[in-house]
Amino acid sequence: MDVQSGRVEKRFPISVPVWLTSFNRPGPFERAVTENVSPAGARIILGTRWPPDETIVVLCSPGCIANAQVVYSQPLPHDSNQFAIGLRLQRVPRGWPVPASDAAPLAGGH
């Protein structure tokens, strides 16, 4: 396990368009883009702050729909109108940019 981040799986620097909406209060989808992706989740850049622990619906490609939990939400230091959110997937959906079989644990991971 990576002691600094608590992550077991490596993240890949992949930029993929995604669309997000609240699971509990569905509404219009917000367009965003990933900064990095792993089979367990993603870091996403968008224009809205999402509260930690919020459950959201993520659409990333035709047929790729996932439920995820917001782990963190922080303003970007270089643009106060943009936020980075960390998402933890409830399960890896078919069509996710990084399938579970393609990722190897970080060095020293368990």
PDB file of N, CA and C in Angstrom:
ATOM      1  N   MET A   1       0.846  -1.186   0.000  1.00  0.00           N
ATOM      2  CA  MET A   1       0.000   0.000   0.000  1.00  0.00           C
ATOM      3  C   MET A   1       0.882   1.238   0.000  1.00  0.00           C
ATOM      4  N   ASP A   2       0.537   2.220  -0.802  1.00  0.00           N
ATOM      5  CA  ASP A   2       1.235   3.488  -0.838  1.00  0.00           C
ATOM      6  C   ASP A   2       0.905   4.234   0.450  1.00  0.00           C
ATOM      7  N   VAL A   3       1.891   4.392   1.319  1.00  0.00           N
ATOM      8  CA  VAL A   3       1.660   4.970   2.635  1.00  0.00           C
ATOM      9  C   VAL A   3       1.152   6.405   2.552  1.00  0.00           C
ATOM     10  N   GLN A   4       1.663   7.192   1.604  1.00  0.00           N
ATOM     11  CA  GLN A   4       1.263   8.598   1.530  1.00  0.00           C
ATOM     12  C   GLN A   4      -0.188   8.769   1.106  1.00  0.00           C
ATOM     13  N   SER A   5      -0.655   8.028   0.117  1.00  0.00           N
ATOM     14  CA  SER A   5      -2.004   8.249  -0.391  1.00  0.00           C
ATOM     15  C   SER A   5      -3.005   7.227   0.100  1.00  0.00           C
ATOM     16  N   GLY A   6      -2.548   6.079   0.612  1.00  0.00           N
ATOM     17  CA  GLY A   6      -3.455   5.028   1.017  1.00  0.00           C
ATOM     18  C   GLY A   6      -3.946   4.190  -0.155  1.00  0.00           C
ATOM     19  N   ARG A   7      -3.433   4.443  -1.354  1.00  0.00           N
ATOM     20  CA  ARG A   7      -3.868   3.721  -2.551  1.00  0.00           C
ATOM     21  C   ARG A   7      -3.077   2.435  -2.721  1.00  0.00           C
ATOM     22  N   VAL A   8      -3.771   1.408  -3.172  1.00  0.00           N
ATOM     23  CA  VAL A   8      -3.128   0.143  -3.475  1.00  0.00           C
ATOM     24  C   VAL A   8      -2.867   0.032  -4.970  1.00  0.00           C
ATOM     25  N   GLU A   9      -3.781   0.542  -5.789  1.00  0.00           N
ATOM     26  CA  GLU A   9      -3.664   0.406  -7.228  1.00  0.00           C
ATOM     27  C   GLU A   9      -3.081   1.668  -7.864  1.00  0.00           C
ATOM     28  N   LYS A  10      -2.275   1.454  -8.894  1.00  0.00           N
ATOM     29  CA  LYS A  10      -1.649   2.547  -9.611  1.00  0.00           C
ATOM     30  C   LYS A  10      -2.693   3.343 -10.382  1.00  0.00           C
ATOM     31  N   ARG A  11      -2.525   4.648 -10.407  1.00  0.00           N
ATOM     32  CA  ARG A  11      -3.380   5.519 -11.211  1.00  0.00           C
ATOM     33  C   ARG A  11      -2.655   5.826 -12.519  1.00  0.00           C
ATOM     34  N   PHE A  12      -3.439   5.899 -13.588  1.00  0.00           N
ATOM     35  CA  PHE A  12      -2.899   6.175 -14.912  1.00  0.00           C
ATOM     36  C   PHE A  12      -3.335   7.571 -15.345  1.00  0.00           C
ATOM     37  N   PRO A  13      -2.408   8.391 -15.887  1.00  0.00           N
ATOM     38  CA  PRO A  13      -2.749   9.760 -16.299  1.00  0.00           C
ATOM     39  C   PRO A  13      -3.545   9.739 -17.610  1.00  0.00           C
ATOM     40  N   ILE A  14      -4.845   9.491 -17.494  1.00  0.00           N
ATOM     41  CA  ILE A  14      -5.711   9.381 -18.656  1.00  0.00           C
ATOM     42  C   ILE A  14      -6.775  10.480 -18.582  1.00  0.00           C
ATOM     43  N   SER A  15      -6.916  11.213 -19.670  1.00  0.00           N
ATOM     44  CA  SER A  15      -7.930  12.262 -19.757  1.00  0.00           C
ATOM     45  C   SER A  15      -9.124  11.717 -20.538  1.00  0.00           C
ATOM     46  N   VAL A  16     -10.245  11.535 -19.829  1.00  0.00           N
ATOM     47  CA  VAL A  16     -11.454  10.962 -20.418  1.00  0.00           C
ATOM     48  C   VAL A  16     -12.634  11.857 -20.047  1.00  0.00           C
ATOM     49  N   PRO A  17     -13.485  12.201 -21.005  1.00  0.00           N
ATOM     50  CA  PRO A  17     -14.676  12.964 -20.637  1.00  0.00           C
ATOM     51  C   PRO A  17     -15.647  12.077 -19.847  1.00  0.00           C
ATOM     52  N   VAL A  18     -16.235  12.653 -18.806  1.00  0.00           N
ATOM     53  CA  VAL A  18     -17.224  11.948 -17.985  1.00  0.00           C
ATOM     54  C   VAL A  18     -18.374  12.908 -17.695  1.00  0.00           C
ATOM     55  N   TRP A  19     -19.496  12.347 -17.294  1.00  0.00           N
ATOM     56  CA  TRP A  19     -20.666  13.122 -16.920  1.00  0.00           C
ATOM     57  C   TRP A  19     -21.114  12.641 -15.552  1.00  0.00           C
ATOM     58  N   LEU A  20     -21.418  13.579 -14.644  1.00  0.00           N
ATOM     59  CA  LEU A  20     -21.734  13.252 -13.253  1.00  0.00           C
ATOM     60  C   LEU A  20     -23.079  13.831 -12.843  1.00  0.00           C
ATOM     61  N   THR A  21     -23.786  13.094 -11.989  1.00  0.00           N
ATOM     62  CA  THR A  21     -24.982  13.607 -11.345  1.00  0.00           C
ATOM     63  C   THR A  21     -25.101  12.947  -9.977  1.00  0.00           C
ATOM     64  N   SER A  22     -25.861  13.546  -9.094  1.00  0.00           N
ATOM     65  CA  SER A  22     -26.067  12.993  -7.761  1.00  0.00           C
ATOM     66  C   SER A  22     -26.943  11.745  -7.840  1.00  0.00           C
ATOM     67  N   PHE A  23     -26.582  10.733  -7.097  1.00  0.00           N
ATOM     68  CA  PHE A  23     -27.386   9.519  -7.028  1.00  0.00           C
ATOM     69  C   PHE A  23     -28.680   9.778  -6.258  1.00  0.00           C
ATOM     70  N   ASN A  24     -28.590  10.540  -5.169  1.00  0.00           N
ATOM     71  CA  ASN A  24     -29.745  10.794  -4.303  1.00  0.00           C
ATOM     72  C   ASN A  24     -30.623  11.948  -4.770  1.00  0.00           C
ATOM     73  N   ARG A  25     -30.043  12.874  -5.516  1.00  0.00           N
ATOM     74  CA  ARG A  25     -30.787  14.020  -6.044  1.00  0.00           C
ATOM     75  C   ARG A  25     -30.463  14.174  -7.525  1.00  0.00           C
ATOM     76  N   PRO A  26     -30.908  13.205  -8.350  1.00  0.00           N
ATOM     77  CA  PRO A  26     -30.553  13.259  -9.777  1.00  0.00           C
ATOM     78  C   PRO A  26     -31.029  14.561 -10.420  1.00  0.00           C
ATOM     79  N   GLY A  27     -30.224  15.064 -11.280  1.00  0.00           N
ATOM     80  CA  GLY A  27     -30.551  16.291 -12.001  1.00  0.00           C
ATOM     81  C   GLY A  27     -29.762  16.297 -13.288  1.00  0.00           C
ATOM     82  N   PRO A  28     -29.517  17.470 -13.824  1.00  0.00           N
ATOM     83  CA  PRO A  28     -28.705  17.531 -15.043  1.00  0.00           C
ATOM     84  C   PRO A  28     -27.313  16.965 -14.780  1.00  0.00           C
ATOM     85  N   PHE A  29     -26.761  16.318 -15.784  1.00  0.00           N
ATOM     86  CA  PHE A  29     -25.401  15.804 -15.669  1.00  0.00           C
ATOM     87  C   PHE A  29     -24.410  16.941 -15.901  1.00  0.00           C
ATOM     88  N   GLU A  30     -23.338  16.924 -15.115  1.00  0.00           N
ATOM     89  CA  GLU A  30     -22.258  17.901 -15.273  1.00  0.00           C
ATOM     90  C   GLU A  30     -21.122  17.243 -16.034  1.00  0.00           C
ATOM     91  N   ARG A  31     -20.653  17.916 -17.073  1.00  0.00           N
ATOM     92  CA  ARG A  31     -19.526  17.397 -17.849  1.00  0.00           C
ATOM     93  C   ARG A  31     -18.237  17.698 -17.111  1.00  0.00           C
ATOM     94  N   ALA A  32     -17.333  16.735 -17.114  1.00  0.00           N
ATOM     95  CA  ALA A  32     -16.040  16.887 -16.450  1.00  0.00           C
ATOM     96  C   ALA A  32     -15.010  16.057 -17.222  1.00  0.00           C
ATOM     97  N   VAL A  33     -13.778  16.054 -16.738  1.00  0.00           N
ATOM     98  CA  VAL A  33     -12.720  15.271 -17.379  1.00  0.00           C
ATOM     99  C   VAL A  33     -11.848  14.642 -16.299  1.00  0.00           C
ATOM    100  N   THR A  34     -11.418  13.415 -16.550  1.00  0.00           N
ATOM    101  CA  THR A  34     -10.540  12.760 -15.587  1.00  0.00           C
ATOM    102  C   THR A  34      -9.126  13.316 -15.726  1.00  0.00           C
ATOM    103  N   GLU A  35      -8.411  13.319 -14.613  1.00  0.00           N
ATOM    104  CA  GLU A  35      -6.991  13.668 -14.614  1.00  0.00           C
ATOM    105  C   GLU A  35      -6.163  12.392 -14.517  1.00  0.00           C
ATOM    106  N   ASN A  36      -6.656  11.452 -13.711  1.00  0.00           N
ATOM    107  CA  ASN A  36      -6.038  10.135 -13.643  1.00  0.00           C
ATOM    108  C   ASN A  36      -7.105   9.128 -13.249  1.00  0.00           C
ATOM    109  N   VAL A  37      -6.857   7.868 -13.604  1.00  0.00           N
ATOM    110  CA  VAL A  37      -7.858   6.824 -13.449  1.00  0.00           C
ATOM    111  C   VAL A  37      -7.190   5.540 -12.968  1.00  0.00           C
ATOM    112  N   SER A  38      -7.898   4.789 -12.132  1.00  0.00           N
ATOM    113  CA  SER A  38      -7.476   3.448 -11.728  1.00  0.00           C
ATOM    114  C   SER A  38      -8.727   2.572 -11.748  1.00  0.00           C
ATOM    115  N   PRO A  39      -8.576   1.276 -11.588  1.00  0.00           N
ATOM    116  CA  PRO A  39      -9.769   0.437 -11.510  1.00  0.00           C
ATOM    117  C   PRO A  39     -10.625   0.749 -10.281  1.00  0.00           C
ATOM    118  N   ALA A  40     -10.045   1.388  -9.278  1.00  0.00           N
ATOM    119  CA  ALA A  40     -10.775   1.692  -8.047  1.00  0.00           C
ATOM    120  C   ALA A  40     -11.440   3.056  -8.054  1.00  0.00           C
ATOM    121  N   GLY A  41     -11.040   3.951  -8.961  1.00  0.00           N
ATOM    122  CA  GLY A  41     -11.601   5.289  -8.944  1.00  0.00           C
ATOM    123  C   GLY A  41     -10.910   6.229  -9.899  1.00  0.00           C
ATOM    124  N   ALA A  42     -11.062   7.532  -9.628  1.00  0.00           N
ATOM    125  CA  ALA A  42     -10.489   8.539 -10.517  1.00  0.00           C
ATOM    126  C   ALA A  42     -10.389   9.877  -9.796  1.00  0.00           C
ATOM    127  N   ARG A  43      -9.517  10.713 -10.321  1.00  0.00           N
ATOM    128  CA  ARG A  43      -9.456  12.125  -9.928  1.00  0.00           C
ATOM    129  C   ARG A  43     -10.057  12.879 -11.105  1.00  0.00           C
ATOM    130  N   ILE A  44     -11.064  13.705 -10.823  1.00  0.00           N
ATOM    131  CA  ILE A  44     -11.828  14.370 -11.866  1.00  0.00           C
ATOM    132  C   ILE A  44     -11.786  15.876 -11.651  1.00  0.00           C
ATOM    133  N   ILE A  45     -11.633  16.602 -12.751  1.00  0.00           N
ATOM    134  CA  ILE A  45     -11.602  18.061 -12.712  1.00  0.00           C
ATOM    135  C   ILE A  45     -12.929  18.583 -13.244  1.00  0.00           C
ATOM    136  N   LEU A  46     -13.559  19.479 -12.472  1.00  0.00           N
ATOM    137  CA  LEU A  46     -14.854  20.012 -12.867  1.00  0.00           C
ATOM    138  C   LEU A  46     -15.090  21.383 -12.243  1.00  0.00           C
ATOM    139  N   GLY A  47     -16.200  22.002 -12.596  1.00  0.00           N
ATOM    140  CA  GLY A  47     -16.481  23.358 -12.148  1.00  0.00           C
ATOM    141  C   GLY A  47     -17.350  23.457 -10.911  1.00  0.00           C
ATOM    142  N   THR A  48     -17.699  22.342 -10.289  1.00  0.00           N
ATOM    143  CA  THR A  48     -18.559  22.343  -9.112  1.00  0.00           C
ATOM    144  C   THR A  48     -17.908  21.575  -7.984  1.00  0.00           C
ATOM    145  N   ARG A  49     -18.023  22.094  -6.780  1.00  0.00           N
ATOM    146  CA  ARG A  49     -17.535  21.368  -5.607  1.00  0.00           C
ATOM    147  C   ARG A  49     -18.591  20.347  -5.203  1.00  0.00           C
ATOM    148  N   TRP A  50     -18.173  19.119  -4.988  1.00  0.00           N
ATOM    149  CA  TRP A  50     -19.073  18.057  -4.524  1.00  0.00           C
ATOM    150  C   TRP A  50     -18.687  17.715  -3.094  1.00  0.00           C
ATOM    151  N   PRO A  51     -19.667  17.496  -2.215  1.00  0.00           N
ATOM    152  CA  PRO A  51     -19.342  17.199  -0.821  1.00  0.00           C
ATOM    153  C   PRO A  51     -18.778  15.784  -0.664  1.00  0.00           C
ATOM    154  N   PRO A  52     -17.790  15.612   0.208  1.00  0.00           N
ATOM    155  CA  PRO A  52     -17.284  14.267   0.502  1.00  0.00           C
ATOM    156  C   PRO A  52     -18.427  13.364   0.965  1.00  0.00           C
ATOM    157  N   ASP A  53     -18.322  12.100   0.633  1.00  0.00           N
ATOM    158  CA  ASP A  53     -19.296  11.053   0.953  1.00  0.00           C
ATOM    159  C   ASP A  53     -20.544  11.096   0.068  1.00  0.00           C
ATOM    160  N   GLU A  54     -20.661  12.077  -0.810  1.00  0.00           N
ATOM    161  CA  GLU A  54     -21.793  12.113  -1.754  1.00  0.00           C
ATOM    162  C   GLU A  54     -21.682  10.920  -2.708  1.00  0.00           C
ATOM    163  N   THR A  55     -22.788  10.243  -2.931  1.00  0.00           N
ATOM    164  CA  THR A  55     -22.816   9.165  -3.913  1.00  0.00           C
ATOM    165  C   THR A  55     -23.263   9.765  -5.237  1.00  0.00           C
ATOM    166  N   ILE A  56     -22.492   9.482  -6.292  1.00  0.00           N
ATOM    167  CA  ILE A  56     -22.793  10.047  -7.593  1.00  0.00           C
ATOM    168  C   ILE A  56     -22.865   8.957  -8.649  1.00  0.00           C
ATOM    169  N   VAL A  57     -23.485   9.310  -9.770  1.00  0.00           N
ATOM    170  CA  VAL A  57     -23.546   8.442 -10.938  1.00  0.00           C
ATOM    171  C   VAL A  57     -22.556   9.008 -11.941  1.00  0.00           C
ATOM    172  N   VAL A  58     -21.709   8.133 -12.496  1.00  0.00           N
ATOM    173  CA  VAL A  58     -20.691   8.530 -13.456  1.00  0.00           C
ATOM    174  C   VAL A  58     -20.973   7.833 -14.784  1.00  0.00           C
ATOM    175  N   LEU A  59     -21.056   8.605 -15.856  1.00  0.00           N
ATOM    176  CA  LEU A  59     -21.147   8.061 -17.209  1.00  0.00           C
ATOM    177  C   LEU A  59     -19.836   8.379 -17.899  1.00  0.00           C
ATOM    178  N   CYS A  60     -19.186   7.369 -18.488  1.00  0.00           N
ATOM    179  CA  CYS A  60     -17.889   7.664 -19.113  1.00  0.00           C
ATOM    180  C   CYS A  60     -17.798   7.252 -20.569  1.00  0.00           C
ATOM    181  N   SER A  61     -18.669   6.397 -21.037  1.00  0.00           N
ATOM    182  CA  SER A  61     -18.696   5.998 -22.431  1.00  0.00           C
ATOM    183  C   SER A  61     -20.018   5.285 -22.652  1.00  0.00           C
ATOM    184  N   PRO A  62     -20.384   5.049 -23.887  1.00  0.00           N
ATOM    185  CA  PRO A  62     -21.647   4.331 -24.099  1.00  0.00           C
ATOM    186  C   PRO A  62     -21.652   2.999 -23.340  1.00  0.00           C
ATOM    187  N   GLY A  63     -22.620   2.834 -22.482  1.00  0.00           N
ATOM    188  CA  GLY A  63     -22.750   1.608 -21.700  1.00  0.00           C
ATOM    189  C   GLY A  63     -21.935   1.569 -20.426  1.00  0.00           C
ATOM    190  N   CYS A  64     -21.117   2.578 -20.176  1.00  0.00           N
ATOM    191  CA  CYS A  64     -20.286   2.610 -18.964  1.00  0.00           C
ATOM    192  C   CYS A  64     -20.956   3.525 -17.941  1.00  0.00           C
ATOM    193  N   ILE A  65     -21.596   2.912 -16.966  1.00  0.00           N
ATOM    194  CA  ILE A  65     -22.279   3.651 -15.902  1.00  0.00           C
ATOM    195  C   ILE A  65     -21.783   3.103 -14.571  1.00  0.00           C
ATOM    196  N   ALA A  66     -21.374   3.993 -13.683  1.00  0.00           N
ATOM    197  CA  ALA A  66     -20.846   3.558 -12.386  1.00  0.00           C
ATOM    198  C   ALA A  66     -21.411   4.418 -11.273  1.00  0.00           C
ATOM    199  N   ASN A  67     -21.566   3.819 -10.113  1.00  0.00           N
ATOM    200  CA  ASN A  67     -21.847   4.565  -8.891  1.00  0.00           C
ATOM    201  C   ASN A  67     -20.522   4.726  -8.171  1.00  0.00           C
ATOM    202  N   ALA A  68     -20.311   5.906  -7.605  1.00  0.00           N
ATOM    203  CA  ALA A  68     -19.055   6.186  -6.923  1.00  0.00           C
ATOM    204  C   ALA A  68     -19.319   7.092  -5.736  1.00  0.00           C
ATOM    205  N   GLN A  69     -18.363   7.113  -4.824  1.00  0.00           N
ATOM    206  CA  GLN A  69     -18.439   7.973  -3.655  1.00  0.00           C
ATOM    207  C   GLN A  69     -17.347   9.033  -3.758  1.00  0.00           C
ATOM    208  N   VAL A  70     -17.703  10.280  -3.456  1.00  0.00           N
ATOM    209  CA  VAL A  70     -16.724  11.361  -3.436  1.00  0.00           C
ATOM    210  C   VAL A  70     -15.875  11.194  -2.176  1.00  0.00           C
ATOM    211  N   VAL A  71     -14.570  11.079  -2.364  1.00  0.00           N
ATOM    212  CA  VAL A  71     -13.638  10.918  -1.259  1.00  0.00           C
ATOM    213  C   VAL A  71     -13.130  12.282  -0.797  1.00  0.00           C
ATOM    214  N   TYR A  72     -12.858  13.163  -1.739  1.00  0.00           N
ATOM    215  CA  TYR A  72     -12.412  14.519  -1.401  1.00  0.00           C
ATOM    216  C   TYR A  72     -12.844  15.467  -2.505  1.00  0.00           C
ATOM    217  N   SER A  73     -12.890  16.739  -2.184  1.00  0.00           N
ATOM    218  CA  SER A  73     -13.190  17.802  -3.140  1.00  0.00           C
ATOM    219  C   SER A  73     -12.344  18.995  -2.738  1.00  0.00           C
ATOM    220  N   GLN A  74     -11.517  19.470  -3.662  1.00  0.00           N
ATOM    221  CA  GLN A  74     -10.624  20.575  -3.316  1.00  0.00           C
ATOM    222  C   GLN A  74     -10.497  21.543  -4.489  1.00  0.00           C
ATOM    223  N   PRO A  75     -10.417  22.842  -4.188  1.00  0.00           N
ATOM    224  CA  PRO A  75     -10.218  23.813  -5.270  1.00  0.00           C
ATOM    225  C   PRO A  75      -8.825  23.639  -5.871  1.00  0.00           C
ATOM    226  N   LEU A  76      -8.726  23.887  -7.169  1.00  0.00           N
ATOM    227  CA  LEU A  76      -7.410  23.833  -7.806  1.00  0.00           C
ATOM    228  C   LEU A  76      -6.650  25.108  -7.460  1.00  0.00           C
ATOM    229  N   PRO A  77      -5.378  24.990  -7.114  1.00  0.00           N
ATOM    230  CA  PRO A  77      -4.622  26.180  -6.686  1.00  0.00           C
ATOM    231  C   PRO A  77      -4.474  27.228  -7.780  1.00  0.00           C
ATOM    232  N   HIS A  78      -4.453  26.821  -9.036  1.00  0.00           N
ATOM    233  CA  HIS A  78      -4.247  27.759 -10.131  1.00  0.00           C
ATOM    234  C   HIS A  78      -5.552  28.291 -10.735  1.00  0.00           C
ATOM    235  N   ASP A  79      -6.718  27.770 -10.277  1.00  0.00           N
ATOM    236  CA  ASP A  79      -8.003  28.216 -10.818  1.00  0.00           C
ATOM    237  C   ASP A  79      -9.090  27.995  -9.775  1.00  0.00           C
ATOM    238  N   SER A  80      -9.495  29.043  -9.090  1.00  0.00           N
ATOM    239  CA  SER A  80     -10.464  28.906  -7.999  1.00  0.00           C
ATOM    240  C   SER A  80     -11.870  28.546  -8.489  1.00  0.00           C
ATOM    241  N   ASN A  81     -12.094  28.559  -9.797  1.00  0.00           N
ATOM    242  CA  ASN A  81     -13.391  28.162 -10.353  1.00  0.00           C
ATOM    243  C   ASN A  81     -13.422  26.683 -10.749  1.00  0.00           C
ATOM    244  N   GLN A  82     -12.344  25.976 -10.529  1.00  0.00           N
ATOM    245  CA  GLN A  82     -12.255  24.558 -10.864  1.00  0.00           C
ATOM    246  C   GLN A  82     -11.938  23.764  -9.598  1.00  0.00           C
ATOM    247  N   PHE A  83     -12.446  22.540  -9.550  1.00  0.00           N
ATOM    248  CA  PHE A  83     -12.241  21.673  -8.396  1.00  0.00           C
ATOM    249  C   PHE A  83     -11.741  20.316  -8.855  1.00  0.00           C
ATOM    250  N   ALA A  84     -11.007  19.660  -7.978  1.00  0.00           N
ATOM    251  CA  ALA A  84     -10.606  18.269  -8.193  1.00  0.00           C
ATOM    252  C   ALA A  84     -11.374  17.443  -7.173  1.00  0.00           C
ATOM    253  N   ILE A  85     -12.007  16.374  -7.664  1.00  0.00           N
ATOM    254  CA  ILE A  85     -12.674  15.465  -6.740  1.00  0.00           C
ATOM    255  C   ILE A  85     -12.080  14.080  -6.923  1.00  0.00           C
ATOM    256  N   GLY A  86     -11.949  13.384  -5.826  1.00  0.00           N
ATOM    257  CA  GLY A  86     -11.506  12.001  -5.856  1.00  0.00           C
ATOM    258  C   GLY A  86     -12.713  11.097  -5.731  1.00  0.00           C
ATOM    259  N   LEU A  87     -12.822  10.139  -6.620  1.00  0.00           N
ATOM    260  CA  LEU A  87     -13.947   9.210  -6.592  1.00  0.00           C
ATOM    261  C   LEU A  87     -13.476   7.796  -6.314  1.00  0.00           C
ATOM    262  N   ARG A  88     -14.239   7.077  -5.504  1.00  0.00           N
ATOM    263  CA  ARG A  88     -14.020   5.653  -5.263  1.00  0.00           C
ATOM    264  C   ARG A  88     -15.215   4.918  -5.856  1.00  0.00           C
ATOM    265  N   LEU A  89     -14.951   4.069  -6.830  1.00  0.00           N
ATOM    266  CA  LEU A  89     -16.022   3.310  -7.475  1.00  0.00           C
ATOM    267  C   LEU A  89     -16.579   2.249  -6.542  1.00  0.00           C
ATOM    268  N   GLN A  90     -17.890   2.015  -6.631  1.00  0.00           N
ATOM    269  CA  GLN A  90     -18.478   0.919  -5.869  1.00  0.00           C
ATOM    270  C   GLN A  90     -18.128  -0.418  -6.511  1.00  0.00           C
ATOM    271  N   ARG A  91     -17.967  -0.432  -7.822  1.00  0.00           N
ATOM    272  CA  ARG A  91     -17.459  -1.594  -8.558  1.00  0.00           C
ATOM    273  C   ARG A  91     -16.951  -1.082  -9.896  1.00  0.00           C
ATOM    274  N   VAL A  92     -16.078  -1.855 -10.541  1.00  0.00           N
ATOM    275  CA  VAL A  92     -15.536  -1.453 -11.836  1.00  0.00           C
ATOM    276  C   VAL A  92     -16.563  -1.799 -12.917  1.00  0.00           C
ATOM    277  N   PRO A  93     -17.104  -0.800 -13.600  1.00  0.00           N
ATOM    278  CA  PRO A  93     -18.105  -1.090 -14.624  1.00  0.00           C
ATOM    279  C   PRO A  93     -17.473  -1.532 -15.947  1.00  0.00           C
ATOM    280  N   ARG A  94     -18.251  -2.225 -16.745  1.00  0.00           N
ATOM    281  CA  ARG A  94     -17.796  -2.585 -18.090  1.00  0.00           C
ATOM    282  C   ARG A  94     -17.563  -1.287 -18.858  1.00  0.00           C
ATOM    283  N   GLY A  95     -16.436  -1.180 -19.542  1.00  0.00           N
ATOM    284  CA  GLY A  95     -16.111   0.006 -20.314  1.00  0.00           C
ATOM    285  C   GLY A  95     -15.321   1.060 -19.566  1.00  0.00           C
ATOM    286  N   TRP A  96     -15.002   0.813 -18.264  1.00  0.00           N
ATOM    287  CA  TRP A  96     -14.197   1.777 -17.493  1.00  0.00           C
ATOM    288  C   TRP A  96     -12.843   1.907 -18.175  1.00  0.00           C
ATOM    289  N   PRO A  97     -12.254   3.122 -18.216  1.00  0.00           N
ATOM    290  CA  PRO A  97     -10.993   3.330 -18.953  1.00  0.00           C
ATOM    291  C   PRO A  97      -9.829   2.430 -18.535  1.00  0.00           C
ATOM    292  N   VAL A  98      -9.809   1.972 -17.289  1.00  0.00           N
ATOM    293  CA  VAL A  98      -8.737   1.082 -16.820  1.00  0.00           C
ATOM    294  C   VAL A  98      -9.389  -0.157 -16.214  1.00  0.00           C
ATOM    295  N   PRO A  99      -9.488  -1.249 -16.982  1.00  0.00           N
ATOM    296  CA  PRO A  99     -10.063  -2.476 -16.414  1.00  0.00           C
ATOM    297  C   PRO A  99      -9.213  -3.011 -15.277  1.00  0.00           C
ATOM    298  N   ALA A 100      -9.818  -3.684 -14.334  1.00  0.00           N
ATOM    299  CA  ALA A 100      -9.111  -4.219 -13.174  1.00  0.00           C
ATOM    300  C   ALA A 100      -7.950  -5.111 -13.582  1.00  0.00           C
ATOM    301  N   SER A 101      -8.078  -5.852 -14.672  1.00  0.00           N
ATOM    302  CA  SER A 101      -7.023  -6.764 -15.107  1.00  0.00           C
ATOM    303  C   SER A 101      -5.806  -6.055 -15.674  1.00  0.00           C
ATOM    304  N   ASP A 102      -5.937  -4.767 -16.039  1.00  0.00           N
ATOM    305  CA  ASP A 102      -4.816  -4.019 -16.634  1.00  0.00           C
ATOM    306  C   ASP A 102      -3.933  -3.324 -15.611  1.00  0.00           C
ATOM    307  N   ALA A 103      -4.364  -3.247 -14.390  1.00  0.00           N
ATOM    308  CA  ALA A 103      -3.616  -2.476 -13.384  1.00  0.00           C
ATOM    309  C   ALA A 103      -2.851  -3.406 -12.450  1.00  0.00           C
ATOM    310  N   ALA A 104      -1.671  -2.987 -12.147  1.00  0.00           N
ATOM    311  CA  ALA A 104      -0.864  -3.710 -11.170  1.00  0.00           C
ATOM    312  C   ALA A 104      -0.767  -2.872  -9.910  1.00  0.00           C
ATOM    313  N   PRO A 105      -0.657  -3.484  -8.736  1.00  0.00           N
ATOM    314  CA  PRO A 105      -0.501  -2.704  -7.507  1.00  0.00           C
ATOM    315  C   PRO A 105       0.774  -1.860  -7.558  1.00  0.00           C
ATOM    316  N   LEU A 106       0.776  -0.784  -6.812  1.00  0.00           N
ATOM    317  CA  LEU A 106       1.976   0.039  -6.673  1.00  0.00           C
ATOM    318  C   LEU A 106       3.084  -0.782  -6.027  1.00  0.00           C
ATOM    319  N   ALA A 107       4.298  -0.391  -6.253  1.00  0.00           N
ATOM    320  CA  ALA A 107       5.430  -1.083  -5.633  1.00  0.00           C
ATOM    321  C   ALA A 107       5.219  -1.115  -4.126  1.00  0.00           C
ATOM    322  N   GLY A 108       5.377  -2.279  -3.539  1.00  0.00           N
ATOM    323  CA  GLY A 108       5.180  -2.418  -2.112  1.00  0.00           C
ATOM    324  C   GLY A 108       3.736  -2.632  -1.737  1.00  0.00           C
ATOM    325  N   GLY A 109       2.832  -2.691  -2.746  1.00  0.00           N
ATOM    326  CA  GLY A 109       1.408  -2.870  -2.462  1.00  0.00           C
ATOM    327  C   GLY A 109       1.101  -4.296  -2.056  1.00  0.00           C
ATOM    328  N   HIS A 110      -0.052  -4.513  -1.440  1.00  0.00           N
ATOM    329  CA  HIS A 110      -0.456  -5.831  -0.982  1.00  0.00           C
ATOM    330  C   HIS A 110      -1.696  -6.265  -1.713  1.00  0.00           C
TER     331      HIS A 110
END
